[in-house]
């Protein structure tokens, strides 16, 4: 039987010692993971609202006003609207997947997931620029949930858990 190829960095995603028992995740790590799942739910709500707005007559009027100021090759109104809707859908799916992926790997004890949560929180801060209320409240909710998850993942009990997982590799 041939040995599988060695892929650099694959150990970050695949457990090398799948048969060895892993210590249970402390409550702080479990809570951080659940906060990330709630953040994914908030993103789902935000995406549904954004798609509804992108398809609204109000948004269509704004797109038309923008198209009227363009020169050269101008896309059709429907193409511009559909591009916006597709962008919102894919961005929402990507963000939801990121939240769920990082929650999964937090529970598994991957310390890189803690840093990734921090990056996700920083990207959420960027969304605060030009936020409008009350619809922008989902961004604030995601920011609060992300900051709490990030803080919980760096508590002393969490640090011991991530160190134990790392030393078991």
C-alpha atoms as a PDB file:
ATOM      1  CA  UNK A   1       0.000   0.000   0.000  1.00  0.00           C
ATOM      2  CA  UNK A   2       1.402   3.392  -0.987  1.00  0.00           C
ATOM      3  CA  UNK A   3       1.865   6.093   1.607  1.00  0.00           C
ATOM      4  CA  UNK A   4      -0.258   9.187   1.155  1.00  0.00           C
ATOM      5  CA  UNK A   5       1.508  12.350  -0.017  1.00  0.00           C
ATOM      6  CA  UNK A   6       2.664  14.820   2.613  1.00  0.00           C
ATOM      7  CA  UNK A   7       0.860  18.103   2.175  1.00  0.00           C
ATOM      8  CA  UNK A   8       2.356  21.040   4.105  1.00  0.00           C
ATOM      9  CA  UNK A   9      -0.118  22.722   6.444  1.00  0.00           C
ATOM     10  CA  UNK A  10      -2.697  19.952   6.237  1.00  0.00           C
ATOM     11  CA  UNK A  11      -2.259  19.275   9.958  1.00  0.00           C
ATOM     12  CA  UNK A  12      -4.127  22.503  10.694  1.00  0.00           C
ATOM     13  CA  UNK A  13      -7.312  20.920   9.344  1.00  0.00           C
ATOM     14  CA  UNK A  14      -6.863  17.174   9.822  1.00  0.00           C
ATOM     15  CA  UNK A  15      -6.286  15.393  13.126  1.00  0.00           C
ATOM     16  CA  UNK A  16      -3.108  13.356  12.816  1.00  0.00           C
ATOM     17  CA  UNK A  17      -3.856  11.294  15.914  1.00  0.00           C
ATOM     18  CA  UNK A  18      -7.571  10.757  15.424  1.00  0.00           C
ATOM     19  CA  UNK A  19      -7.564   7.750  17.773  1.00  0.00           C
ATOM     20  CA  UNK A  20      -6.186   9.599  20.808  1.00  0.00           C
ATOM     21  CA  UNK A  21      -8.757  11.106  23.145  1.00  0.00           C
ATOM     22  CA  UNK A  22      -8.968  14.873  23.123  1.00  0.00           C
ATOM     23  CA  UNK A  23      -9.612  16.767  26.362  1.00  0.00           C
ATOM     24  CA  UNK A  24     -13.117  18.190  26.574  1.00  0.00           C
ATOM     25  CA  UNK A  25     -13.487  21.820  25.585  1.00  0.00           C
ATOM     26  CA  UNK A  26     -13.965  24.149  28.565  1.00  0.00           C
ATOM     27  CA  UNK A  27     -17.158  26.141  28.861  1.00  0.00           C
ATOM     28  CA  UNK A  28     -15.457  29.301  27.646  1.00  0.00           C
ATOM     29  CA  UNK A  29     -14.466  27.667  24.348  1.00  0.00           C
ATOM     30  CA  UNK A  30     -17.893  26.059  23.945  1.00  0.00           C
ATOM     31  CA  UNK A  31     -19.548  29.422  24.638  1.00  0.00           C
ATOM     32  CA  UNK A  32     -17.237  31.132  22.124  1.00  0.00           C
ATOM     33  CA  UNK A  33     -18.179  28.574  19.487  1.00  0.00           C
ATOM     34  CA  UNK A  34     -21.895  29.057  20.167  1.00  0.00           C
ATOM     35  CA  UNK A  35     -21.476  32.835  19.973  1.00  0.00           C
ATOM     36  CA  UNK A  36     -19.948  32.344  16.540  1.00  0.00           C
ATOM     37  CA  UNK A  37     -22.960  30.229  15.514  1.00  0.00           C
ATOM     38  CA  UNK A  38     -25.236  33.038  16.706  1.00  0.00           C
ATOM     39  CA  UNK A  39     -23.117  35.446  14.654  1.00  0.00           C
ATOM     40  CA  UNK A  40     -23.792  33.251  11.610  1.00  0.00           C
ATOM     41  CA  UNK A  41     -27.514  33.452  12.365  1.00  0.00           C
ATOM     42  CA  UNK A  42     -27.288  37.245  12.583  1.00  0.00           C
ATOM     43  CA  UNK A  43     -25.519  37.249   9.206  1.00  0.00           C
ATOM     44  CA  UNK A  44     -28.311  35.118   7.751  1.00  0.00           C
ATOM     45  CA  UNK A  45     -30.894  37.662   8.926  1.00  0.00           C
ATOM     46  CA  UNK A  46     -28.764  40.518   7.558  1.00  0.00           C
ATOM     47  CA  UNK A  47     -28.396  38.747   4.202  1.00  0.00           C
ATOM     48  CA  UNK A  48     -32.129  38.165   3.861  1.00  0.00           C
ATOM     49  CA  UNK A  49     -32.795  41.839   4.627  1.00  0.00           C
ATOM     50  CA  UNK A  50     -30.071  42.914   2.186  1.00  0.00           C
ATOM     51  CA  UNK A  51     -31.462  40.759  -0.623  1.00  0.00           C
ATOM     52  CA  UNK A  52     -34.949  42.143  -0.014  1.00  0.00           C
ATOM     53  CA  UNK A  53     -33.555  45.679  -0.163  1.00  0.00           C
ATOM     54  CA  UNK A  54     -31.450  44.957  -3.259  1.00  0.00           C
ATOM     55  CA  UNK A  55     -34.583  43.798  -5.088  1.00  0.00           C
ATOM     56  CA  UNK A  56     -36.770  46.671  -3.854  1.00  0.00           C
ATOM     57  CA  UNK A  57     -38.170  49.434  -6.105  1.00  0.00           C
ATOM     58  CA  UNK A  58     -36.368  52.016  -3.938  1.00  0.00           C
ATOM     59  CA  UNK A  59     -33.014  50.423  -4.735  1.00  0.00           C
ATOM     60  CA  UNK A  60     -33.983  50.149  -8.403  1.00  0.00           C
ATOM     61  CA  UNK A  61     -34.526  53.921  -8.500  1.00  0.00           C
ATOM     62  CA  UNK A  62     -31.071  54.508  -6.968  1.00  0.00           C
ATOM     63  CA  UNK A  63     -29.445  52.168  -9.462  1.00  0.00           C
ATOM     64  CA  UNK A  64     -31.190  53.945 -12.335  1.00  0.00           C
ATOM     65  CA  UNK A  65     -30.022  57.329 -11.060  1.00  0.00           C
ATOM     66  CA  UNK A  66     -26.473  55.978 -10.907  1.00  0.00           C
ATOM     67  CA  UNK A  67     -26.711  54.516 -14.399  1.00  0.00           C
ATOM     68  CA  UNK A  68     -27.979  57.853 -15.754  1.00  0.00           C
ATOM     69  CA  UNK A  69     -24.723  59.534 -14.688  1.00  0.00           C
ATOM     70  CA  UNK A  70     -22.509  56.927 -16.415  1.00  0.00           C
ATOM     71  CA  UNK A  71     -20.924  57.421 -19.792  1.00  0.00           C
ATOM     72  CA  UNK A  72     -19.682  54.840 -22.257  1.00  0.00           C
ATOM     73  CA  UNK A  73     -20.950  51.292 -22.098  1.00  0.00           C
ATOM     74  CA  UNK A  74     -23.694  51.292 -19.472  1.00  0.00           C
ATOM     75  CA  UNK A  75     -25.105  48.025 -18.135  1.00  0.00           C
ATOM     76  CA  UNK A  76     -28.837  47.496 -18.152  1.00  0.00           C
ATOM     77  CA  UNK A  77     -30.871  48.189 -15.041  1.00  0.00           C
ATOM     78  CA  UNK A  78     -31.669  44.500 -14.604  1.00  0.00           C
ATOM     79  CA  UNK A  79     -28.013  43.498 -14.968  1.00  0.00           C
ATOM     80  CA  UNK A  80     -26.942  46.033 -12.346  1.00  0.00           C
ATOM     81  CA  UNK A  81     -29.697  44.909  -9.965  1.00  0.00           C
ATOM     82  CA  UNK A  82     -28.917  41.221 -10.472  1.00  0.00           C
ATOM     83  CA  UNK A  83     -25.209  41.832  -9.929  1.00  0.00           C
ATOM     84  CA  UNK A  84     -26.016  43.494  -6.609  1.00  0.00           C
ATOM     85  CA  UNK A  85     -28.282  40.648  -5.519  1.00  0.00           C
ATOM     86  CA  UNK A  86     -25.730  37.996  -6.495  1.00  0.00           C
ATOM     87  CA  UNK A  87     -22.990  39.880  -4.662  1.00  0.00           C
ATOM     88  CA  UNK A  88     -25.093  40.088  -1.502  1.00  0.00           C
ATOM     89  CA  UNK A  89     -25.971  36.379  -1.663  1.00  0.00           C
ATOM     90  CA  UNK A  90     -22.383  35.206  -2.177  1.00  0.00           C
ATOM     91  CA  UNK A  91     -20.989  37.570   0.455  1.00  0.00           C
ATOM     92  CA  UNK A  92     -23.612  36.342   2.917  1.00  0.00           C
ATOM     93  CA  UNK A  93     -22.898  32.687   2.199  1.00  0.00           C
ATOM     94  CA  UNK A  94     -19.164  33.269   2.540  1.00  0.00           C
ATOM     95  CA  UNK A  95     -19.536  35.087   5.846  1.00  0.00           C
ATOM     96  CA  UNK A  96     -21.911  32.479   7.276  1.00  0.00           C
ATOM     97  CA  UNK A  97     -19.501  29.719   6.260  1.00  0.00           C
ATOM     98  CA  UNK A  98     -16.599  31.592   7.885  1.00  0.00           C
ATOM     99  CA  UNK A  99     -18.496  31.970  11.168  1.00  0.00           C
ATOM    100  CA  UNK A 100     -19.458  28.286  11.216  1.00  0.00           C
ATOM    101  CA  UNK A 101     -16.009  27.093  10.157  1.00  0.00           C
ATOM    102  CA  UNK A 102     -14.274  29.101  12.871  1.00  0.00           C
ATOM    103  CA  UNK A 103     -16.778  27.891  15.463  1.00  0.00           C
ATOM    104  CA  UNK A 104     -16.087  24.283  14.445  1.00  0.00           C
ATOM    105  CA  UNK A 105     -12.328  24.670  14.695  1.00  0.00           C
ATOM    106  CA  UNK A 106     -12.565  26.572  17.990  1.00  0.00           C
ATOM    107  CA  UNK A 107     -14.344  23.552  19.459  1.00  0.00           C
ATOM    108  CA  UNK A 108     -11.663  21.268  18.010  1.00  0.00           C
ATOM    109  CA  UNK A 109      -8.960  23.302  19.768  1.00  0.00           C
ATOM    110  CA  UNK A 110      -7.231  24.795  16.739  1.00  0.00           C
ATOM    111  CA  UNK A 111      -5.496  27.916  17.980  1.00  0.00           C
ATOM    112  CA  UNK A 112      -5.409  29.491  14.522  1.00  0.00           C
ATOM    113  CA  UNK A 113      -9.201  29.740  14.735  1.00  0.00           C
ATOM    114  CA  UNK A 114      -8.860  32.205  17.620  1.00  0.00           C
ATOM    115  CA  UNK A 115      -6.809  34.529  15.429  1.00  0.00           C
ATOM    116  CA  UNK A 116      -9.275  34.055  12.577  1.00  0.00           C
ATOM    117  CA  UNK A 117     -12.113  35.118  14.882  1.00  0.00           C
ATOM    118  CA  UNK A 118     -10.151  38.289  15.611  1.00  0.00           C
ATOM    119  CA  UNK A 119      -9.767  38.986  11.903  1.00  0.00           C
ATOM    120  CA  UNK A 120     -13.493  38.398  11.394  1.00  0.00           C
ATOM    121  CA  UNK A 121     -14.261  40.869  14.192  1.00  0.00           C
ATOM    122  CA  UNK A 122     -11.956  43.439  12.563  1.00  0.00           C
ATOM    123  CA  UNK A 123     -13.726  42.967   9.223  1.00  0.00           C
ATOM    124  CA  UNK A 124     -17.068  43.407  10.969  1.00  0.00           C
ATOM    125  CA  UNK A 125     -15.806  46.737  12.353  1.00  0.00           C
ATOM    126  CA  UNK A 126     -15.281  47.885   8.762  1.00  0.00           C
ATOM    127  CA  UNK A 127     -18.985  47.273   8.118  1.00  0.00           C
ATOM    128  CA  UNK A 128     -19.839  49.918  10.715  1.00  0.00           C
ATOM    129  CA  UNK A 129     -18.850  52.619   8.218  1.00  0.00           C
ATOM    130  CA  UNK A 130     -22.018  54.050   6.734  1.00  0.00           C
ATOM    131  CA  UNK A 131     -24.296  51.846   8.812  1.00  0.00           C
ATOM    132  CA  UNK A 132     -27.979  52.752   8.849  1.00  0.00           C
ATOM    133  CA  UNK A 133     -30.364  51.861  11.617  1.00  0.00           C
ATOM    134  CA  UNK A 134     -32.539  49.944  12.414  1.00  0.00           C
ATOM    135  CA  UNK A 135     -31.420  47.484   9.708  1.00  0.00           C
ATOM    136  CA  UNK A 136     -27.753  47.843  10.659  1.00  0.00           C
ATOM    137  CA  UNK A 137     -28.404  46.430  14.109  1.00  0.00           C
ATOM    138  CA  UNK A 138     -27.424  42.977  12.830  1.00  0.00           C
ATOM    139  CA  UNK A 139     -23.893  44.271  12.233  1.00  0.00           C
ATOM    140  CA  UNK A 140     -23.722  45.573  15.792  1.00  0.00           C
ATOM    141  CA  UNK A 141     -25.002  42.211  17.063  1.00  0.00           C
ATOM    142  CA  UNK A 142     -22.340  40.377  15.036  1.00  0.00           C
ATOM    143  CA  UNK A 143     -19.666  42.707  16.374  1.00  0.00           C
ATOM    144  CA  UNK A 144     -20.700  42.163  19.999  1.00  0.00           C
ATOM    145  CA  UNK A 145     -20.940  38.379  19.550  1.00  0.00           C
ATOM    146  CA  UNK A 146     -17.573  38.271  17.797  1.00  0.00           C
ATOM    147  CA  UNK A 147     -15.817  40.361  20.456  1.00  0.00           C
ATOM    148  CA  UNK A 148     -17.260  38.155  23.206  1.00  0.00           C
ATOM    149  CA  UNK A 149     -16.207  34.979  21.365  1.00  0.00           C
ATOM    150  CA  UNK A 150     -12.718  36.384  20.827  1.00  0.00           C
ATOM    151  CA  UNK A 151     -12.377  37.335  24.499  1.00  0.00           C
ATOM    152  CA  UNK A 152     -13.689  33.976  25.718  1.00  0.00           C
ATOM    153  CA  UNK A 153     -11.234  32.107  23.521  1.00  0.00           C
ATOM    154  CA  UNK A 154      -8.300  33.821  25.249  1.00  0.00           C
ATOM    155  CA  UNK A 155      -9.339  33.234  28.873  1.00  0.00           C
ATOM    156  CA  UNK A 156      -6.893  31.186  31.010  1.00  0.00           C
ATOM    157  CA  UNK A 157      -9.015  28.013  30.811  1.00  0.00           C
ATOM    158  CA  UNK A 158      -9.211  28.401  27.038  1.00  0.00           C
ATOM    159  CA  UNK A 159      -5.460  28.946  26.786  1.00  0.00           C
ATOM    160  CA  UNK A 160      -4.838  25.726  28.741  1.00  0.00           C
ATOM    161  CA  UNK A 161      -7.211  23.829  26.444  1.00  0.00           C
ATOM    162  CA  UNK A 162      -5.567  25.078  23.254  1.00  0.00           C
ATOM    163  CA  UNK A 163      -2.107  24.334  24.722  1.00  0.00           C
ATOM    164  CA  UNK A 164      -3.200  20.797  25.677  1.00  0.00           C
ATOM    165  CA  UNK A 165      -4.524  20.167  22.182  1.00  0.00           C
ATOM    166  CA  UNK A 166      -1.331  21.507  20.641  1.00  0.00           C
ATOM    167  CA  UNK A 167       0.919  19.410  22.872  1.00  0.00           C
ATOM    168  CA  UNK A 168      -1.069  16.290  21.993  1.00  0.00           C
ATOM    169  CA  UNK A 169      -0.160  16.557  18.310  1.00  0.00           C
END
